[in-house]
PDB file of all heavy atoms in Angstrom:
ATOM      1  N   GLY A   1     -28.655 -28.837  29.228  1.00  0.00           N
ATOM      2  CA  GLY A   1     -28.946 -28.238  27.919  1.00  0.00           C
ATOM      3  C   GLY A   1     -27.853 -27.306  27.408  1.00  0.00           C
ATOM      4  O   GLY A   1     -28.107 -26.491  26.519  1.00  0.00           O
ATOM      5  N   GLY A   2     -26.658 -27.428  27.943  1.00  0.00           N
ATOM      6  CA  GLY A   2     -25.537 -26.601  27.450  1.00  0.00           C
ATOM      7  C   GLY A   2     -25.513 -25.166  27.948  1.00  0.00           C
ATOM      8  O   GLY A   2     -24.829 -24.323  27.362  1.00  0.00           O
ATOM      9  N   VAL A   3     -26.251 -24.864  29.041  1.00  0.00           N
ATOM     10  CA  VAL A   3     -26.222 -23.528  29.579  1.00  0.00           C
ATOM     11  C   VAL A   3     -24.793 -23.171  30.002  1.00  0.00           C
ATOM     12  O   VAL A   3     -24.101 -24.001  30.635  1.00  0.00           O
ATOM     13  CB  VAL A   3     -27.184 -23.399  30.791  1.00  0.00           C
ATOM     14  CG1 VAL A   3     -26.995 -22.045  31.496  1.00  0.00           C
ATOM     15  CG2 VAL A   3     -28.630 -23.563  30.336  1.00  0.00           C
ATOM     16  N   ILE A   4     -24.344 -21.997  29.633  1.00  0.00           N
ATOM     17  CA  ILE A   4     -22.952 -21.569  29.899  1.00  0.00           C
ATOM     18  C   ILE A   4     -22.885 -20.869  31.235  1.00  0.00           C
ATOM     19  O   ILE A   4     -23.744 -20.023  31.584  1.00  0.00           O
ATOM     20  CB  ILE A   4     -22.470 -20.616  28.792  1.00  0.00           C
ATOM     21  CG1 ILE A   4     -22.489 -21.328  27.420  1.00  0.00           C
ATOM     22  CG2 ILE A   4     -21.097 -20.093  29.099  1.00  0.00           C
ATOM     23  CD1 ILE A   4     -22.246 -20.391  26.240  1.00  0.00           C
ATOM     24  N   ALA A   5     -21.890 -21.187  32.037  1.00  0.00           N
ATOM     25  CA  ALA A   5     -21.591 -20.493  33.295  1.00  0.00           C
ATOM     26  C   ALA A   5     -20.431 -19.542  33.116  1.00  0.00           C
ATOM     27  O   ALA A   5     -19.483 -19.851  32.401  1.00  0.00           O
ATOM     28  CB  ALA A   5     -21.265 -21.501  34.414  1.00  0.00           C
ATOM     29  N   GLY A   6     -20.523 -18.365  33.725  1.00  0.00           N
ATOM     30  CA  GLY A   6     -19.469 -17.367  33.559  1.00  0.00           C
ATOM     31  C   GLY A   6     -18.093 -17.888  33.926  1.00  0.00           C
ATOM     32  O   GLY A   6     -17.092 -17.516  33.309  1.00  0.00           O
ATOM     33  N   LYS A   7     -18.013 -18.746  34.940  1.00  0.00           N
ATOM     34  CA  LYS A   7     -16.711 -19.254  35.409  1.00  0.00           C
ATOM     35  C   LYS A   7     -16.029 -20.103  34.327  1.00  0.00           C
ATOM     36  O   LYS A   7     -14.801 -20.233  34.345  1.00  0.00           O
ATOM     37  CB  LYS A   7     -16.865 -20.073  36.670  1.00  0.00           C
ATOM     38  CG  LYS A   7     -17.663 -21.375  36.509  1.00  0.00           C
ATOM     39  CD  LYS A   7     -17.805 -22.129  37.824  1.00  0.00           C
ATOM     40  CE  LYS A   7     -18.609 -23.412  37.633  1.00  0.00           C
ATOM     41  NZ  LYS A   7     -18.753 -24.160  38.909  1.00  0.00           N
ATOM     42  N   GLU A   8     -16.817 -20.644  33.384  1.00  0.00           N
ATOM     43  CA  GLU A   8     -16.252 -21.475  32.313  1.00  0.00           C
ATOM     44  C   GLU A   8     -15.463 -20.643  31.315  1.00  0.00           C
ATOM     45  O   GLU A   8     -14.664 -21.171  30.563  1.00  0.00           O
ATOM     46  CB  GLU A   8     -17.369 -22.255  31.628  1.00  0.00           C
ATOM     47  CG  GLU A   8     -17.994 -23.291  32.519  1.00  0.00           C
ATOM     48  CD  GLU A   8     -19.334 -23.817  32.078  1.00  0.00           C
ATOM     49  OE1 GLU A   8     -19.883 -23.284  31.052  1.00  0.00           O
ATOM     50  OE2 GLU A   8     -19.849 -24.752  32.699  1.00  0.00           O
ATOM     51  N   PHE A   9     -15.695 -19.344  31.340  1.00  0.00           N
ATOM     52  CA  PHE A   9     -14.842 -18.427  30.570  1.00  0.00           C
ATOM     53  C   PHE A   9     -13.838 -17.730  31.471  1.00  0.00           C
ATOM     54  O   PHE A   9     -12.694 -17.491  31.062  1.00  0.00           O
ATOM     55  CB  PHE A   9     -15.691 -17.392  29.817  1.00  0.00           C
ATOM     56  CG  PHE A   9     -16.245 -17.903  28.520  1.00  0.00           C
ATOM     57  CD1 PHE A   9     -17.545 -18.319  28.404  1.00  0.00           C
ATOM     58  CD2 PHE A   9     -15.429 -17.969  27.419  1.00  0.00           C
ATOM     59  CE1 PHE A   9     -18.052 -18.774  27.199  1.00  0.00           C
ATOM     60  CE2 PHE A   9     -15.902 -18.440  26.204  1.00  0.00           C
ATOM     61  CZ  PHE A   9     -17.226 -18.844  26.099  1.00  0.00           C
ATOM     62  N   GLN A  10     -14.240 -17.373  32.698  1.00  0.00           N
ATOM     63  CA  GLN A  10     -13.351 -16.641  33.586  1.00  0.00           C
ATOM     64  C   GLN A  10     -12.073 -17.417  33.887  1.00  0.00           C
ATOM     65  O   GLN A  10     -10.977 -16.846  33.966  1.00  0.00           O
ATOM     66  CB  GLN A  10     -14.064 -16.301  34.874  1.00  0.00           C
ATOM     67  CG  GLN A  10     -13.270 -15.339  35.778  1.00  0.00           C
ATOM     68  CD  GLN A  10     -13.074 -13.977  35.122  1.00  0.00           C
ATOM     69  OE1 GLN A  10     -14.041 -13.312  34.746  1.00  0.00           O
ATOM     70  NE2 GLN A  10     -11.820 -13.576  34.965  1.00  0.00           N
ATOM     71  N   THR A  11     -12.181 -18.742  34.032  1.00  0.00           N
ATOM     72  CA  THR A  11     -11.010 -19.558  34.301  1.00  0.00           C
ATOM     73  C   THR A  11      -9.922 -19.362  33.243  1.00  0.00           C
ATOM     74  O   THR A  11      -8.735 -19.196  33.531  1.00  0.00           O
ATOM     75  CB  THR A  11     -11.380 -21.050  34.317  1.00  0.00           C
ATOM     76  OG1 THR A  11     -12.262 -21.271  35.428  1.00  0.00           O
ATOM     77  CG2 THR A  11     -10.161 -21.946  34.461  1.00  0.00           C
ATOM     78  N   TRP A  12     -10.359 -19.323  31.979  1.00  0.00           N
ATOM     79  CA  TRP A  12      -9.398 -19.218  30.868  1.00  0.00           C
ATOM     80  C   TRP A  12      -9.012 -17.770  30.576  1.00  0.00           C
ATOM     81  O   TRP A  12      -7.903 -17.509  30.071  1.00  0.00           O
ATOM     82  CB  TRP A  12      -9.984 -19.897  29.626  1.00  0.00           C
ATOM     83  CG  TRP A  12     -10.426 -21.295  29.955  1.00  0.00           C
ATOM     84  CD1 TRP A  12     -11.670 -21.805  29.933  1.00  0.00           C
ATOM     85  CD2 TRP A  12      -9.582 -22.357  30.438  1.00  0.00           C
ATOM     86  NE1 TRP A  12     -11.694 -23.093  30.330  1.00  0.00           N
ATOM     87  CE2 TRP A  12     -10.432 -23.484  30.662  1.00  0.00           C
ATOM     88  CE3 TRP A  12      -8.225 -22.482  30.695  1.00  0.00           C
ATOM     89  CZ2 TRP A  12      -9.940 -24.703  31.129  1.00  0.00           C
ATOM     90  CZ3 TRP A  12      -7.751 -23.708  31.144  1.00  0.00           C
ATOM     91  CH2 TRP A  12      -8.606 -24.782  31.356  1.00  0.00           C
ATOM     92  N   ILE A  13      -9.891 -16.809  30.903  1.00  0.00           N
ATOM     93  CA  ILE A  13      -9.486 -15.390  30.861  1.00  0.00           C
ATOM     94  C   ILE A  13      -8.315 -15.148  31.780  1.00  0.00           C
ATOM     95  O   ILE A  13      -7.311 -14.536  31.403  1.00  0.00           O
ATOM     96  CB  ILE A  13     -10.664 -14.481  31.240  1.00  0.00           C
ATOM     97  CG1 ILE A  13     -11.741 -14.492  30.141  1.00  0.00           C
ATOM     98  CG2 ILE A  13     -10.179 -13.049  31.495  1.00  0.00           C
ATOM     99  CD1 ILE A  13     -13.013 -13.762  30.513  1.00  0.00           C
ATOM    100  N   ASP A  14      -8.431 -15.675  33.003  1.00  0.00           N
ATOM    101  CA  ASP A  14      -7.334 -15.517  33.979  1.00  0.00           C
ATOM    102  C   ASP A  14      -6.070 -16.178  33.514  1.00  0.00           C
ATOM    103  O   ASP A  14      -4.966 -15.625  33.658  1.00  0.00           O
ATOM    104  CB  ASP A  14      -7.767 -16.112  35.326  1.00  0.00           C
ATOM    105  CG  ASP A  14      -8.942 -15.370  35.965  1.00  0.00           C
ATOM    106  OD1 ASP A  14      -9.205 -14.231  35.556  1.00  0.00           O
ATOM    107  OD2 ASP A  14      -9.595 -15.954  36.850  1.00  0.00           O
ATOM    108  N   TRP A  15      -6.185 -17.383  32.932  1.00  0.00           N
ATOM    109  CA  TRP A  15      -5.042 -18.101  32.442  1.00  0.00           C
ATOM    110  C   TRP A  15      -4.360 -17.351  31.285  1.00  0.00           C
ATOM    111  O   TRP A  15      -3.144 -17.178  31.281  1.00  0.00           O
ATOM    112  CB  TRP A  15      -5.435 -19.504  31.982  1.00  0.00           C
ATOM    113  CG  TRP A  15      -4.288 -20.244  31.340  1.00  0.00           C
ATOM    114  CD1 TRP A  15      -3.214 -20.760  31.989  1.00  0.00           C
ATOM    115  CD2 TRP A  15      -4.112 -20.544  29.969  1.00  0.00           C
ATOM    116  NE1 TRP A  15      -2.365 -21.384  31.083  1.00  0.00           N
ATOM    117  CE2 TRP A  15      -2.905 -21.256  29.825  1.00  0.00           C
ATOM    118  CE3 TRP A  15      -4.877 -20.272  28.825  1.00  0.00           C
ATOM    119  CZ2 TRP A  15      -2.434 -21.673  28.598  1.00  0.00           C
ATOM    120  CZ3 TRP A  15      -4.417 -20.725  27.605  1.00  0.00           C
ATOM    121  CH2 TRP A  15      -3.204 -21.404  27.495  1.00  0.00           C
ATOM    122  N   LEU A  16      -5.111 -16.868  30.328  1.00  0.00           N
ATOM    123  CA  LEU A  16      -4.557 -16.158  29.186  1.00  0.00           C
ATOM    124  C   LEU A  16      -3.905 -14.864  29.592  1.00  0.00           C
ATOM    125  O   LEU A  16      -2.878 -14.454  29.047  1.00  0.00           O
ATOM    126  CB  LEU A  16      -5.635 -15.900  28.145  1.00  0.00           C
ATOM    127  CG  LEU A  16      -6.092 -17.154  27.392  1.00  0.00           C
ATOM    128  CD1 LEU A  16      -7.387 -16.869  26.600  1.00  0.00           C
ATOM    129  CD2 LEU A  16      -5.010 -17.664  26.448  1.00  0.00           C
ATOM    130  N   ALA A  17      -4.493 -14.171  30.593  1.00  0.00           N
ATOM    131  CA  ALA A  17      -3.870 -12.921  31.090  1.00  0.00           C
ATOM    132  C   ALA A  17      -2.567 -13.250  31.797  1.00  0.00           C
ATOM    133  O   ALA A  17      -1.560 -12.532  31.630  1.00  0.00           O
ATOM    134  CB  ALA A  17      -4.826 -12.226  32.036  1.00  0.00           C
ATOM    135  N   ARG A  18      -2.552 -14.327  32.559  1.00  0.00           N
ATOM    136  CA  ARG A  18      -1.315 -14.752  33.245  1.00  0.00           C
ATOM    137  C   ARG A  18      -0.214 -15.139  32.243  1.00  0.00           C
ATOM    138  O   ARG A  18       0.985 -14.909  32.471  1.00  0.00           O
ATOM    139  CB  ARG A  18      -1.656 -15.935  34.163  1.00  0.00           C
ATOM    140  CG  ARG A  18      -0.613 -16.233  35.196  1.00  0.00           C
ATOM    141  CD  ARG A  18      -1.153 -17.171  36.267  1.00  0.00           C
ATOM    142  NE  ARG A  18      -1.526 -18.457  35.739  1.00  0.00           N
ATOM    143  CZ  ARG A  18      -2.731 -19.011  35.841  1.00  0.00           C
ATOM    144  NH1 ARG A  18      -3.717 -18.341  36.439  1.00  0.00           N
ATOM    145  NH2 ARG A  18      -2.985 -20.192  35.339  1.00  0.00           N
ATOM    146  N   GLU A  19      -0.662 -15.742  31.120  1.00  0.00           N
ATOM    147  CA  GLU A  19       0.302 -16.151  30.067  1.00  0.00           C
ATOM    148  C   GLU A  19       0.747 -14.974  29.197  1.00  0.00           C
ATOM    149  O   GLU A  19       1.648 -15.134  28.358  1.00  0.00           O
ATOM    150  CB  GLU A  19      -0.342 -17.229  29.194  1.00  0.00           C
ATOM    151  CG  GLU A  19      -0.526 -18.567  29.859  1.00  0.00           C
ATOM    152  CD  GLU A  19       0.783 -19.276  30.074  1.00  0.00           C
ATOM    153  OE1 GLU A  19       1.523 -19.512  29.110  1.00  0.00           O
ATOM    154  OE2 GLU A  19       1.090 -19.616  31.248  1.00  0.00           O
ATOM    155  N   GLY A  20       0.121 -13.829  29.350  1.00  0.00           N
ATOM    156  CA  GLY A  20       0.465 -12.660  28.507  1.00  0.00           C
ATOM    157  C   GLY A  20      -0.205 -12.685  27.147  1.00  0.00           C
ATOM    158  O   GLY A  20       0.157 -11.924  26.257  1.00  0.00           O
ATOM    159  N   GLU A  21      -1.184 -13.579  26.966  1.00  0.00           N
ATOM    160  CA  GLU A  21      -1.878 -13.695  25.660  1.00  0.00           C
ATOM    161  C   GLU A  21      -2.909 -12.592  25.498  1.00  0.00           C
ATOM    162  O   GLU A  21      -3.230 -12.168  24.372  1.00  0.00           O
ATOM    163  CB  GLU A  21      -2.571 -15.040  25.566  1.00  0.00           C
ATOM    164  CG  GLU A  21      -1.630 -16.221  25.618  1.00  0.00           C
ATOM    165  CD  GLU A  21      -1.066 -16.562  24.239  1.00  0.00           C
ATOM    166  OE1 GLU A  21      -1.449 -15.903  23.271  1.00  0.00           O
ATOM    167  OE2 GLU A  21      -0.210 -17.471  24.158  1.00  0.00           O
ATOM    168  N   ILE A  22      -3.500 -12.120  26.592  1.00  0.00           N
ATOM    169  CA  ILE A  22      -4.417 -10.981  26.575  1.00  0.00           C
ATOM    170  C   ILE A  22      -4.040 -10.066  27.719  1.00  0.00           C
ATOM    171  O   ILE A  22      -3.326 -10.471  28.644  1.00  0.00           O
ATOM    172  CB  ILE A  22      -5.885 -11.409  26.697  1.00  0.00           C
ATOM    173  CG1 ILE A  22      -6.138 -12.109  28.041  1.00  0.00           C
ATOM    174  CG2 ILE A  22      -6.313 -12.285  25.530  1.00  0.00           C
ATOM    175  CD1 ILE A  22      -7.613 -12.430  28.314  1.00  0.00           C
ATOM    176  N   LYS A  23      -4.500  -8.825  27.672  1.00  0.00           N
ATOM    177  CA  LYS A  23      -4.225  -7.884  28.742  1.00  0.00           C
ATOM    178  C   LYS A  23      -5.195  -8.065  29.885  1.00  0.00           C
ATOM    179  O   LYS A  23      -6.369  -8.384  29.659  1.00  0.00           O
ATOM    180  CB  LYS A  23      -4.328  -6.439  28.204  1.00  0.00           C
ATOM    181  CG  LYS A  23      -3.317  -6.108  27.104  1.00  0.00           C
ATOM    182  CD  LYS A  23      -3.549  -4.716  26.574  1.00  0.00           C
ATOM    183  CE  LYS A  23      -2.588  -4.401  25.438  1.00  0.00           C
ATOM    184  NZ  LYS A  23      -2.830  -3.053  24.861  1.00  0.00           N
ATOM    185  N   PRO A  24      -4.757  -7.880  31.124  1.00  0.00           N
ATOM    186  CA  PRO A  24      -5.661  -7.961  32.260  1.00  0.00           C
ATOM    187  C   PRO A  24      -6.832  -6.975  32.062  1.00  0.00           C
ATOM    188  O   PRO A  24      -6.626  -5.811  31.765  1.00  0.00           O
ATOM    189  CB  PRO A  24      -4.799  -7.584  33.450  1.00  0.00           C
ATOM    190  CG  PRO A  24      -3.406  -7.965  33.047  1.00  0.00           C
ATOM    191  CD  PRO A  24      -3.340  -7.653  31.565  1.00  0.00           C
ATOM    192  N   GLY A  25      -8.043  -7.474  32.233  1.00  0.00           N
ATOM    193  CA  GLY A  25      -9.210  -6.620  32.083  1.00  0.00           C
ATOM    194  C   GLY A  25      -9.660  -6.361  30.659  1.00  0.00           C
ATOM    195  O   GLY A  25     -10.671  -5.681  30.419  1.00  0.00           O
ATOM    196  N   GLN A  26      -8.926  -6.937  29.706  1.00  0.00           N
ATOM    197  CA  GLN A  26      -9.272  -6.697  28.304  1.00  0.00           C
ATOM    198  C   GLN A  26     -10.613  -7.294  27.909  1.00  0.00           C
ATOM    199  O   GLN A  26     -11.364  -6.727  27.121  1.00  0.00           O
ATOM    200  CB  GLN A  26      -8.173  -7.266  27.382  1.00  0.00           C
ATOM    201  CG  GLN A  26      -8.417  -7.085  25.894  1.00  0.00           C
ATOM    202  CD  GLN A  26      -7.287  -7.690  25.046  1.00  0.00           C
ATOM    203  OE1 GLN A  26      -6.286  -8.147  25.562  1.00  0.00           O
ATOM    204  NE2 GLN A  26      -7.469  -7.690  23.744  1.00  0.00           N
ATOM    205  N   ILE A  27     -10.893  -8.479  28.458  1.00  0.00           N
ATOM    206  CA  ILE A  27     -12.099  -9.218  28.104  1.00  0.00           C
ATOM    207  C   ILE A  27     -12.831  -9.643  29.387  1.00  0.00           C
ATOM    208  O   ILE A  27     -12.206 -10.062  30.341  1.00  0.00           O
ATOM    209  CB  ILE A  27     -11.768 -10.500  27.308  1.00  0.00           C
ATOM    210  CG1 ILE A  27     -11.132 -10.138  25.956  1.00  0.00           C
ATOM    211  CG2 ILE A  27     -12.983 -11.367  27.092  1.00  0.00           C
ATOM    212  CD1 ILE A  27     -12.074  -9.600  24.928  1.00  0.00           C
ATOM    213  N   LYS A  28     -14.153  -9.501  29.371  1.00  0.00           N
ATOM    214  CA  LYS A  28     -14.984  -9.981  30.465  1.00  0.00           C
ATOM    215  C   LYS A  28     -15.880 -11.098  29.959  1.00  0.00           C
ATOM    216  O   LYS A  28     -16.206 -11.150  28.774  1.00  0.00           O
ATOM    217  CB  LYS A  28     -15.861  -8.862  31.033  1.00  0.00           C
ATOM    218  CG  LYS A  28     -15.077  -7.622  31.512  1.00  0.00           C
ATOM    219  CD  LYS A  28     -15.982  -6.635  32.160  1.00  0.00           C
ATOM    220  CE  LYS A  28     -17.014  -6.035  31.188  1.00  0.00           C
ATOM    221  NZ  LYS A  28     -16.388  -5.224  30.131  1.00  0.00           N
ATOM    222  N   PRO A  29     -16.316 -12.029  30.855  1.00  0.00           N
ATOM    223  CA  PRO A  29     -17.199 -13.110  30.398  1.00  0.00           C
ATOM    224  C   PRO A  29     -18.428 -12.587  29.660  1.00  0.00           C
ATOM    225  O   PRO A  29     -18.850 -13.214  28.668  1.00  0.00           O
ATOM    226  CB  PRO A  29     -17.557 -13.812  31.721  1.00  0.00           C
ATOM    227  CG  PRO A  29     -16.393 -13.597  32.593  1.00  0.00           C
ATOM    228  CD  PRO A  29     -15.904 -12.192  32.255  1.00  0.00           C
ATOM    229  N   ALA A  30     -18.987 -11.485  30.106  1.00  0.00           N
ATOM    230  CA  ALA A  30     -20.209 -10.972  29.457  1.00  0.00           C
ATOM    231  C   ALA A  30     -19.945 -10.530  28.021  1.00  0.00           C
ATOM    232  O   ALA A  30     -20.895 -10.476  27.203  1.00  0.00           O
ATOM    233  CB  ALA A  30     -20.730  -9.783  30.237  1.00  0.00           C
TER     234      ALA A  30
END
């Protein structure tokens, strides 16, 4: 039913932080 898992955002948070697109800790899945 499309339930969202936190890891589905955390994976890309980590990638964007690694790429310098966002700051580490700037955004949390919640």
